[in-house]
Amino acid sequence: MHSRDELRDRSVELEPSWHELGDGTKASYPIDPDRGGTWVAAHENGFYIGLINLNLSDDELDPDRPIANRSRGLLIPELIQLGNARDASAKLDQMDLRGFSPFRMVLVGKAHSGGYEFTAKRFDAMQLVDLQPFTALDAPICFASSGLGDELVQCRIPLFASSVAQDPNIENQRRYHRHQWADRPELSVMMSRADARTSSVTSVFVEGDQRPKILYDRFPIGDPVCDPVGAGMLR
């Protein structure tokens, strides 16, 4: 499941749909109409890619980094064409990433030994490194990001551990992605602040060899439950 937190002045995203790839297979992903990219995609064979912005402090950023003039969202439509996580990971390792802002990327695919495996990568605008080399996906994992600074929203991780990791059923996952602290909406999983909000959650469900099921929930601006800050601004 992948939340999208977006600035209020961005265009409304296009919900996930199945796109034909160069080899005739298909992948499903939403589209950012402003820049043409996406933040999450699922291949019909169960291969998954998710991209999470990496928000570093000024002290962590290399002052000699290239100017960011390329959209991170363009990476996934290119990588999903590979059709499996290992090949996509290898291609990402070889790509010229100069001009992209920092990001983390999670790639999940079927393992040769059965089940699923994943890898997580981190790009700091200068260097791409493995956060997690390929390993079995046998327990729930969570990544948290915020334009306010990623370190501020790591409070979401203990919440995930207590609400999802102990019993990772679909309803617990859905509740987690809709969780909001009344006194900290700007840091919540379902985030709401003056300049941005959680605009949607895209969920990918894979069962056996069936084509993944894609569930997409869009949250309207100013909804008093999902976007209390926006509701207050509208009033």
C-alpha atoms as a PDB file:
ATOM      1  CA  MET A   1       0.000   0.000   0.000  1.00  0.00           C
ATOM      2  CA  HIS A   2       1.389   3.369  -1.004  1.00  0.00           C
ATOM      3  CA  SER A   3       0.138   6.771   0.140  1.00  0.00           C
ATOM      4  CA  ARG A   4       0.667   9.828  -2.017  1.00  0.00           C
ATOM      5  CA  ASP A   5       1.233  13.094  -0.163  1.00  0.00           C
ATOM      6  CA  GLU A   6       1.051  16.016  -2.565  1.00  0.00           C
ATOM      7  CA  LEU A   7       1.042  19.810  -2.654  1.00  0.00           C
ATOM      8  CA  ARG A   8      -2.388  21.370  -2.905  1.00  0.00           C
ATOM      9  CA  ASP A   9      -1.593  23.245  -6.108  1.00  0.00           C
ATOM     10  CA  ARG A  10      -0.727  20.085  -8.082  1.00  0.00           C
ATOM     11  CA  SER A  11      -3.174  18.688 -10.636  1.00  0.00           C
ATOM     12  CA  VAL A  12      -5.458  15.809  -9.692  1.00  0.00           C
ATOM     13  CA  GLU A  13      -3.709  12.512 -10.425  1.00  0.00           C
ATOM     14  CA  LEU A  14      -5.024   9.951 -12.888  1.00  0.00           C
ATOM     15  CA  GLU A  15      -6.100   6.778 -11.111  1.00  0.00           C
ATOM     16  CA  PRO A  16      -4.324   3.469 -11.832  1.00  0.00           C
ATOM     17  CA  SER A  17      -5.028   1.773 -15.150  1.00  0.00           C
ATOM     18  CA  TRP A  18      -3.427  -1.054 -17.115  1.00  0.00           C
ATOM     19  CA  HIS A  19      -0.778   0.081 -19.609  1.00  0.00           C
ATOM     20  CA  GLU A  20       0.632  -2.142 -22.346  1.00  0.00           C
ATOM     21  CA  LEU A  21       4.403  -2.518 -22.199  1.00  0.00           C
ATOM     22  CA  GLY A  22       6.868  -2.984 -25.032  1.00  0.00           C
ATOM     23  CA  ASP A  23       6.795  -6.786 -24.820  1.00  0.00           C
ATOM     24  CA  GLY A  24       2.994  -6.997 -24.844  1.00  0.00           C
ATOM     25  CA  THR A  25       2.597  -7.546 -21.091  1.00  0.00           C
ATOM     26  CA  LYS A  26       0.826  -4.977 -18.919  1.00  0.00           C
ATOM     27  CA  ALA A  27       1.432  -2.969 -15.779  1.00  0.00           C
ATOM     28  CA  SER A  28      -0.931  -0.862 -13.707  1.00  0.00           C
ATOM     29  CA  TYR A  29      -0.012   2.518 -12.249  1.00  0.00           C
ATOM     30  CA  PRO A  30      -1.485   5.960 -11.547  1.00  0.00           C
ATOM     31  CA  ILE A  31      -0.100   8.994 -13.394  1.00  0.00           C
ATOM     32  CA  ASP A  32       0.956  12.451 -12.268  1.00  0.00           C
ATOM     33  CA  PRO A  33      -0.506  14.600 -15.090  1.00  0.00           C
ATOM     34  CA  ASP A  34       1.866  17.487 -14.365  1.00  0.00           C
ATOM     35  CA  ARG A  35       5.025  15.479 -15.069  1.00  0.00           C
ATOM     36  CA  GLY A  36       3.835  12.236 -16.619  1.00  0.00           C
ATOM     37  CA  GLY A  37       5.407   9.892 -14.072  1.00  0.00           C
ATOM     38  CA  THR A  38       4.200   7.701 -11.233  1.00  0.00           C
ATOM     39  CA  TRP A  39       5.142   6.682  -7.712  1.00  0.00           C
ATOM     40  CA  VAL A  40       3.900   3.081  -7.673  1.00  0.00           C
ATOM     41  CA  ALA A  41       3.391   0.343 -10.266  1.00  0.00           C
ATOM     42  CA  ALA A  42       2.495  -3.342 -10.414  1.00  0.00           C
ATOM     43  CA  HIS A  43       3.283  -5.663 -13.306  1.00  0.00           C
ATOM     44  CA  GLU A  44       0.667  -8.262 -14.195  1.00  0.00           C
ATOM     45  CA  ASN A  45       3.080 -10.966 -12.947  1.00  0.00           C
ATOM     46  CA  GLY A  46       3.192  -9.460  -9.428  1.00  0.00           C
ATOM     47  CA  PHE A  47       6.405  -7.421  -9.789  1.00  0.00           C
ATOM     48  CA  TYR A  48       6.019  -4.206  -7.757  1.00  0.00           C
ATOM     49  CA  ILE A  49       7.915  -0.896  -7.603  1.00  0.00           C
ATOM     50  CA  GLY A  50       7.312   1.894  -5.109  1.00  0.00           C
ATOM     51  CA  LEU A  51       9.164   5.216  -4.937  1.00  0.00           C
ATOM     52  CA  ILE A  52       9.353   7.299  -1.752  1.00  0.00           C
ATOM     53  CA  ASN A  53      10.848  10.781  -1.692  1.00  0.00           C
ATOM     54  CA  LEU A  54      13.970  11.102   0.447  1.00  0.00           C
ATOM     55  CA  ASN A  55      13.942  14.416   2.315  1.00  0.00           C
ATOM     56  CA  LEU A  56      17.388  15.186   3.677  1.00  0.00           C
ATOM     57  CA  SER A  57      18.580  18.095   5.786  1.00  0.00           C
ATOM     58  CA  ASP A  58      20.909  20.698   4.304  1.00  0.00           C
ATOM     59  CA  ASP A  59      23.752  19.149   6.274  1.00  0.00           C
ATOM     60  CA  GLU A  60      23.110  15.766   4.654  1.00  0.00           C
ATOM     61  CA  LEU A  61      22.973  17.078   1.083  1.00  0.00           C
ATOM     62  CA  ASP A  62      26.165  17.381  -0.935  1.00  0.00           C
ATOM     63  CA  PRO A  63      26.575  21.063  -1.931  1.00  0.00           C
ATOM     64  CA  ASP A  64      28.088  19.923  -5.245  1.00  0.00           C
ATOM     65  CA  ARG A  65      25.036  17.867  -6.229  1.00  0.00           C
ATOM     66  CA  PRO A  66      23.590  18.531  -9.715  1.00  0.00           C
ATOM     67  CA  ILE A  67      20.563  20.776 -10.080  1.00  0.00           C
ATOM     68  CA  ALA A  68      17.376  18.691  -9.805  1.00  0.00           C
ATOM     69  CA  ASN A  69      15.723  19.000 -13.215  1.00  0.00           C
ATOM     70  CA  ARG A  70      14.361  15.487 -13.821  1.00  0.00           C
ATOM     71  CA  SER A  71      11.172  13.986 -12.389  1.00  0.00           C
ATOM     72  CA  ARG A  72      11.671  10.933 -10.174  1.00  0.00           C
ATOM     73  CA  GLY A  73       8.298   9.655 -11.311  1.00  0.00           C
ATOM     74  CA  LEU A  74       9.704   8.890 -14.770  1.00  0.00           C
ATOM     75  CA  LEU A  75      11.899   6.119 -13.348  1.00  0.00           C
ATOM     76  CA  ILE A  76       9.133   3.634 -12.603  1.00  0.00           C
ATOM     77  CA  PRO A  77       7.510   3.489 -16.094  1.00  0.00           C
ATOM     78  CA  GLU A  78      10.971   2.732 -17.488  1.00  0.00           C
ATOM     79  CA  LEU A  79      11.909   0.116 -14.888  1.00  0.00           C
ATOM     80  CA  ILE A  80       8.570  -1.726 -14.868  1.00  0.00           C
ATOM     81  CA  GLN A  81       9.260  -2.589 -18.522  1.00  0.00           C
ATOM     82  CA  LEU A  82      11.915  -5.060 -17.331  1.00  0.00           C
ATOM     83  CA  GLY A  83       9.217  -7.327 -15.924  1.00  0.00           C
ATOM     84  CA  ASN A  84      11.070  -8.487 -12.819  1.00  0.00           C
ATOM     85  CA  ALA A  85      12.692  -6.981  -9.752  1.00  0.00           C
ATOM     86  CA  ARG A  86      16.213  -8.338 -10.290  1.00  0.00           C
ATOM     87  CA  ASP A  87      16.592  -6.949 -13.808  1.00  0.00           C
ATOM     88  CA  ALA A  88      15.030  -3.634 -12.828  1.00  0.00           C
ATOM     89  CA  SER A  89      17.369  -3.360  -9.846  1.00  0.00           C
ATOM     90  CA  ALA A  90      20.383  -4.055 -12.044  1.00  0.00           C
ATOM     91  CA  LYS A  91      19.283  -1.449 -14.574  1.00  0.00           C
ATOM     92  CA  LEU A  92      18.748   1.162 -11.864  1.00  0.00           C
ATOM     93  CA  ASP A  93      22.274   0.482 -10.619  1.00  0.00           C
ATOM     94  CA  GLN A  94      23.616   1.345 -14.088  1.00  0.00           C
ATOM     95  CA  MET A  95      21.456   4.398 -14.815  1.00  0.00           C
ATOM     96  CA  ASP A  96      22.754   7.953 -14.877  1.00  0.00           C
ATOM     97  CA  LEU A  97      20.716   9.492 -12.058  1.00  0.00           C
ATOM     98  CA  ARG A  98      22.224  12.966 -12.201  1.00  0.00           C
ATOM     99  CA  GLY A  99      19.471  15.576 -11.996  1.00  0.00           C
ATOM    100  CA  PHE A 100      17.062  13.491  -9.912  1.00  0.00           C
ATOM    101  CA  SER A 101      16.132  14.603  -6.404  1.00  0.00           C
ATOM    102  CA  PRO A 102      16.818  12.112  -3.575  1.00  0.00           C
ATOM    103  CA  PHE A 103      14.573   9.077  -3.319  1.00  0.00           C
ATOM    104  CA  ARG A 104      14.185   5.587  -1.935  1.00  0.00           C
ATOM    105  CA  MET A 105      12.871   2.787  -4.098  1.00  0.00           C
ATOM    106  CA  VAL A 106      11.426  -0.591  -3.125  1.00  0.00           C
ATOM    107  CA  LEU A 107      11.303  -3.411  -5.691  1.00  0.00           C
ATOM    108  CA  VAL A 108       9.408  -6.638  -4.981  1.00  0.00           C
ATOM    109  CA  GLY A 109       9.259  -9.747  -7.139  1.00  0.00           C
ATOM    110  CA  LYS A 110       8.969 -13.502  -7.144  1.00  0.00           C
ATOM    111  CA  ALA A 111      11.996 -15.336  -5.784  1.00  0.00           C
ATOM    112  CA  HIS A 112      13.475 -18.330  -7.642  1.00  0.00           C
ATOM    113  CA  SER A 113      13.095 -20.386  -4.483  1.00  0.00           C
ATOM    114  CA  GLY A 114       9.415 -19.482  -4.156  1.00  0.00           C
ATOM    115  CA  GLY A 115       7.601 -16.703  -2.369  1.00  0.00           C
ATOM    116  CA  TYR A 116       8.593 -13.068  -2.823  1.00  0.00           C
ATOM    117  CA  GLU A 117      11.785 -11.105  -2.293  1.00  0.00           C
ATOM    118  CA  PHE A 118      12.524  -7.397  -2.147  1.00  0.00           C
ATOM    119  CA  THR A 119      15.311  -4.888  -2.285  1.00  0.00           C
ATOM    120  CA  ALA A 120      15.367  -1.250  -1.148  1.00  0.00           C
ATOM    121  CA  LYS A 121      17.657   1.419  -2.600  1.00  0.00           C
ATOM    122  CA  ARG A 122      18.578   4.956  -1.586  1.00  0.00           C
ATOM    123  CA  PHE A 123      19.701   7.828  -3.819  1.00  0.00           C
ATOM    124  CA  ASP A 124      20.940  11.020  -2.150  1.00  0.00           C
ATOM    125  CA  ALA A 125      21.292  13.079  -5.380  1.00  0.00           C
ATOM    126  CA  MET A 126      24.873  11.865  -5.747  1.00  0.00           C
ATOM    127  CA  GLN A 127      25.102   8.127  -5.056  1.00  0.00           C
ATOM    128  CA  LEU A 128      22.779   5.118  -5.244  1.00  0.00           C
ATOM    129  CA  VAL A 129      23.265   2.499  -2.528  1.00  0.00           C
ATOM    130  CA  ASP A 130      21.423  -0.596  -1.333  1.00  0.00           C
ATOM    131  CA  LEU A 131      19.482  -0.050   1.867  1.00  0.00           C
ATOM    132  CA  GLN A 132      18.515  -3.716   1.765  1.00  0.00           C
ATOM    133  CA  PRO A 133      20.024  -6.258  -0.660  1.00  0.00           C
ATOM    134  CA  PHE A 134      17.547  -8.791  -2.017  1.00  0.00           C
ATOM    135  CA  THR A 135      16.028 -10.796   0.802  1.00  0.00           C
ATOM    136  CA  ALA A 136      12.854 -12.782   1.429  1.00  0.00           C
ATOM    137  CA  LEU A 137       9.749 -10.676   1.958  1.00  0.00           C
ATOM    138  CA  ASP A 138       8.500 -12.639   4.935  1.00  0.00           C
ATOM    139  CA  ALA A 139       7.430  -9.826   7.284  1.00  0.00           C
ATOM    140  CA  PRO A 140       5.692  -6.451   6.918  1.00  0.00           C
ATOM    141  CA  ILE A 141       7.939  -3.468   6.192  1.00  0.00           C
ATOM    142  CA  CYS A 142       7.241   0.251   6.300  1.00  0.00           C
ATOM    143  CA  PHE A 143       8.934   3.402   4.974  1.00  0.00           C
ATOM    144  CA  ALA A 144       7.948   6.902   6.085  1.00  0.00           C
ATOM    145  CA  SER A 145       8.578  10.168   4.248  1.00  0.00           C
ATOM    146  CA  SER A 146       7.602  13.819   4.674  1.00  0.00           C
ATOM    147  CA  GLY A 147       8.483  17.056   2.960  1.00  0.00           C
ATOM    148  CA  LEU A 148       8.919  18.485   6.450  1.00  0.00           C
ATOM    149  CA  GLY A 149      11.861  16.109   6.934  1.00  0.00           C
ATOM    150  CA  ASP A 150      11.832  12.323   7.044  1.00  0.00           C
ATOM    151  CA  GLU A 151      13.201  12.254  10.576  1.00  0.00           C
ATOM    152  CA  LEU A 152      10.016  13.954  11.839  1.00  0.00           C
ATOM    153  CA  VAL A 153       7.693  11.178  10.680  1.00  0.00           C
ATOM    154  CA  GLN A 154       9.518   8.107  11.936  1.00  0.00           C
ATOM    155  CA  CYS A 155       6.853   8.162  14.667  1.00  0.00           C
ATOM    156  CA  ARG A 156       4.750   6.312  12.100  1.00  0.00           C
ATOM    157  CA  ILE A 157       7.008   3.252  12.300  1.00  0.00           C
ATOM    158  CA  PRO A 158       6.120   2.216  15.890  1.00  0.00           C
ATOM    159  CA  LEU A 159       2.466   2.731  14.983  1.00  0.00           C
ATOM    160  CA  PHE A 160       2.929   0.368  12.035  1.00  0.00           C
ATOM    161  CA  ALA A 161       4.666  -2.168  14.262  1.00  0.00           C
ATOM    162  CA  SER A 162       1.813  -2.182  16.773  1.00  0.00           C
ATOM    163  CA  SER A 163      -1.112  -1.983  14.347  1.00  0.00           C
ATOM    164  CA  VAL A 164       0.007  -3.926  11.261  1.00  0.00           C
ATOM    165  CA  ALA A 165       3.136  -5.980  11.874  1.00  0.00           C
ATOM    166  CA  GLN A 166       1.478  -8.071  14.580  1.00  0.00           C
ATOM    167  CA  ASP A 167      -1.460  -8.946  12.312  1.00  0.00           C
ATOM    168  CA  PRO A 168      -0.885  -7.820   8.703  1.00  0.00           C
ATOM    169  CA  ASN A 169      -4.378  -8.345   7.370  1.00  0.00           C
ATOM    170  CA  ILE A 170      -5.892  -6.034   4.773  1.00  0.00           C
ATOM    171  CA  GLU A 171      -8.167  -4.159   7.168  1.00  0.00           C
ATOM    172  CA  ASN A 172      -5.326  -3.377   9.573  1.00  0.00           C
ATOM    173  CA  GLN A 173      -3.282  -2.051   6.674  1.00  0.00           C
ATOM    174  CA  ARG A 174      -6.170   0.107   5.479  1.00  0.00           C
ATOM    175  CA  ARG A 175      -6.711   1.487   8.974  1.00  0.00           C
ATOM    176  CA  TYR A 176      -3.027   2.308   9.269  1.00  0.00           C
ATOM    177  CA  HIS A 177      -3.011   4.303   6.039  1.00  0.00           C
ATOM    178  CA  ARG A 178      -6.010   6.273   7.301  1.00  0.00           C
ATOM    179  CA  HIS A 179      -4.598   6.928  10.748  1.00  0.00           C
ATOM    180  CA  GLN A 180      -4.428  10.528  11.898  1.00  0.00           C
ATOM    181  CA  TRP A 181      -3.273  12.024  15.181  1.00  0.00           C
ATOM    182  CA  ALA A 182      -5.714  14.792  16.122  1.00  0.00           C
ATOM    183  CA  ASP A 183      -2.924  16.955  17.509  1.00  0.00           C
ATOM    184  CA  ARG A 184      -0.376  16.140  14.776  1.00  0.00           C
ATOM    185  CA  PRO A 185      -2.152  15.975  11.407  1.00  0.00           C
ATOM    186  CA  GLU A 186       0.970  17.241   9.632  1.00  0.00           C
ATOM    187  CA  LEU A 187       2.950  14.191  10.817  1.00  0.00           C
ATOM    188  CA  SER A 188       0.179  11.618  10.480  1.00  0.00           C
ATOM    189  CA  VAL A 189       0.053   8.748   8.041  1.00  0.00           C
ATOM    190  CA  MET A 190      -2.982  10.437   6.481  1.00  0.00           C
ATOM    191  CA  MET A 191      -1.298  13.815   6.421  1.00  0.00           C
ATOM    192  CA  SER A 192      -2.957  17.232   6.364  1.00  0.00           C
ATOM    193  CA  ARG A 193      -1.194  20.595   6.498  1.00  0.00           C
ATOM    194  CA  ALA A 194      -1.588  24.047   4.960  1.00  0.00           C
ATOM    195  CA  ASP A 195       0.392  23.377   1.779  1.00  0.00           C
ATOM    196  CA  ALA A 196      -0.119  19.631   1.261  1.00  0.00           C
ATOM    197  CA  ARG A 197      -2.231  16.595   2.111  1.00  0.00           C
ATOM    198  CA  THR A 198      -2.555  12.857   1.504  1.00  0.00           C
ATOM    199  CA  SER A 199      -4.305  12.740  -1.856  1.00  0.00           C
ATOM    200  CA  SER A 200      -4.679   8.969  -2.311  1.00  0.00           C
ATOM    201  CA  VAL A 201      -3.688   5.452  -1.324  1.00  0.00           C
ATOM    202  CA  THR A 202      -2.926   2.830  -3.970  1.00  0.00           C
ATOM    203  CA  SER A 203      -3.049  -0.790  -2.819  1.00  0.00           C
ATOM    204  CA  VAL A 204      -1.643  -3.792  -4.674  1.00  0.00           C
ATOM    205  CA  PHE A 205      -2.975  -7.239  -3.737  1.00  0.00           C
ATOM    206  CA  VAL A 206      -1.228 -10.330  -5.122  1.00  0.00           C
ATOM    207  CA  GLU A 207      -2.664 -13.819  -4.680  1.00  0.00           C
ATOM    208  CA  GLY A 208      -0.819 -16.778  -6.175  1.00  0.00           C
ATOM    209  CA  ASP A 209      -0.292 -16.426  -9.932  1.00  0.00           C
ATOM    210  CA  GLN A 210      -3.325 -14.213 -10.453  1.00  0.00           C
ATOM    211  CA  ARG A 211      -2.983 -10.733 -11.919  1.00  0.00           C
ATOM    212  CA  PRO A 212      -2.638  -8.232  -9.056  1.00  0.00           C
ATOM    213  CA  LYS A 213      -5.747  -6.432  -7.893  1.00  0.00           C
ATOM    214  CA  ILE A 214      -5.297  -2.668  -7.686  1.00  0.00           C
ATOM    215  CA  LEU A 215      -7.422  -0.712  -5.211  1.00  0.00           C
ATOM    216  CA  TYR A 216      -7.256   3.059  -5.383  1.00  0.00           C
ATOM    217  CA  ASP A 217      -8.732   5.452  -2.825  1.00  0.00           C
ATOM    218  CA  ARG A 218      -8.729   9.168  -3.608  1.00  0.00           C
ATOM    219  CA  PHE A 219      -9.340  11.674  -0.807  1.00  0.00           C
ATOM    220  CA  PRO A 220     -10.993  14.994  -1.679  1.00  0.00           C
ATOM    221  CA  ILE A 221      -9.460  18.300  -0.669  1.00  0.00           C
ATOM    222  CA  GLY A 222     -11.124  19.746   2.400  1.00  0.00           C
ATOM    223  CA  ASP A 223     -12.765  16.514   3.559  1.00  0.00           C
ATOM    224  CA  PRO A 224     -13.261  17.083   7.302  1.00  0.00           C
ATOM    225  CA  VAL A 225     -12.084  13.569   8.186  1.00  0.00           C
ATOM    226  CA  CYS A 226      -9.215  13.072   5.717  1.00  0.00           C
ATOM    227  CA  ASP A 227      -8.079  16.682   5.400  1.00  0.00           C
ATOM    228  CA  PRO A 228      -9.006  18.647   8.545  1.00  0.00           C
ATOM    229  CA  VAL A 229      -6.525  21.440   7.852  1.00  0.00           C
ATOM    230  CA  GLY A 230      -7.959  21.882   4.375  1.00  0.00           C
ATOM    231  CA  ALA A 231     -11.492  21.847   5.784  1.00  0.00           C
ATOM    232  CA  GLY A 232     -10.529  24.638   8.160  1.00  0.00           C
ATOM    233  CA  MET A 233      -9.011  26.642   5.313  1.00  0.00           C
ATOM    234  CA  LEU A 234     -12.200  26.284   3.259  1.00  0.00           C
ATOM    235  CA  ARG A 235     -14.249  27.565   6.176  1.00  0.00           C
END
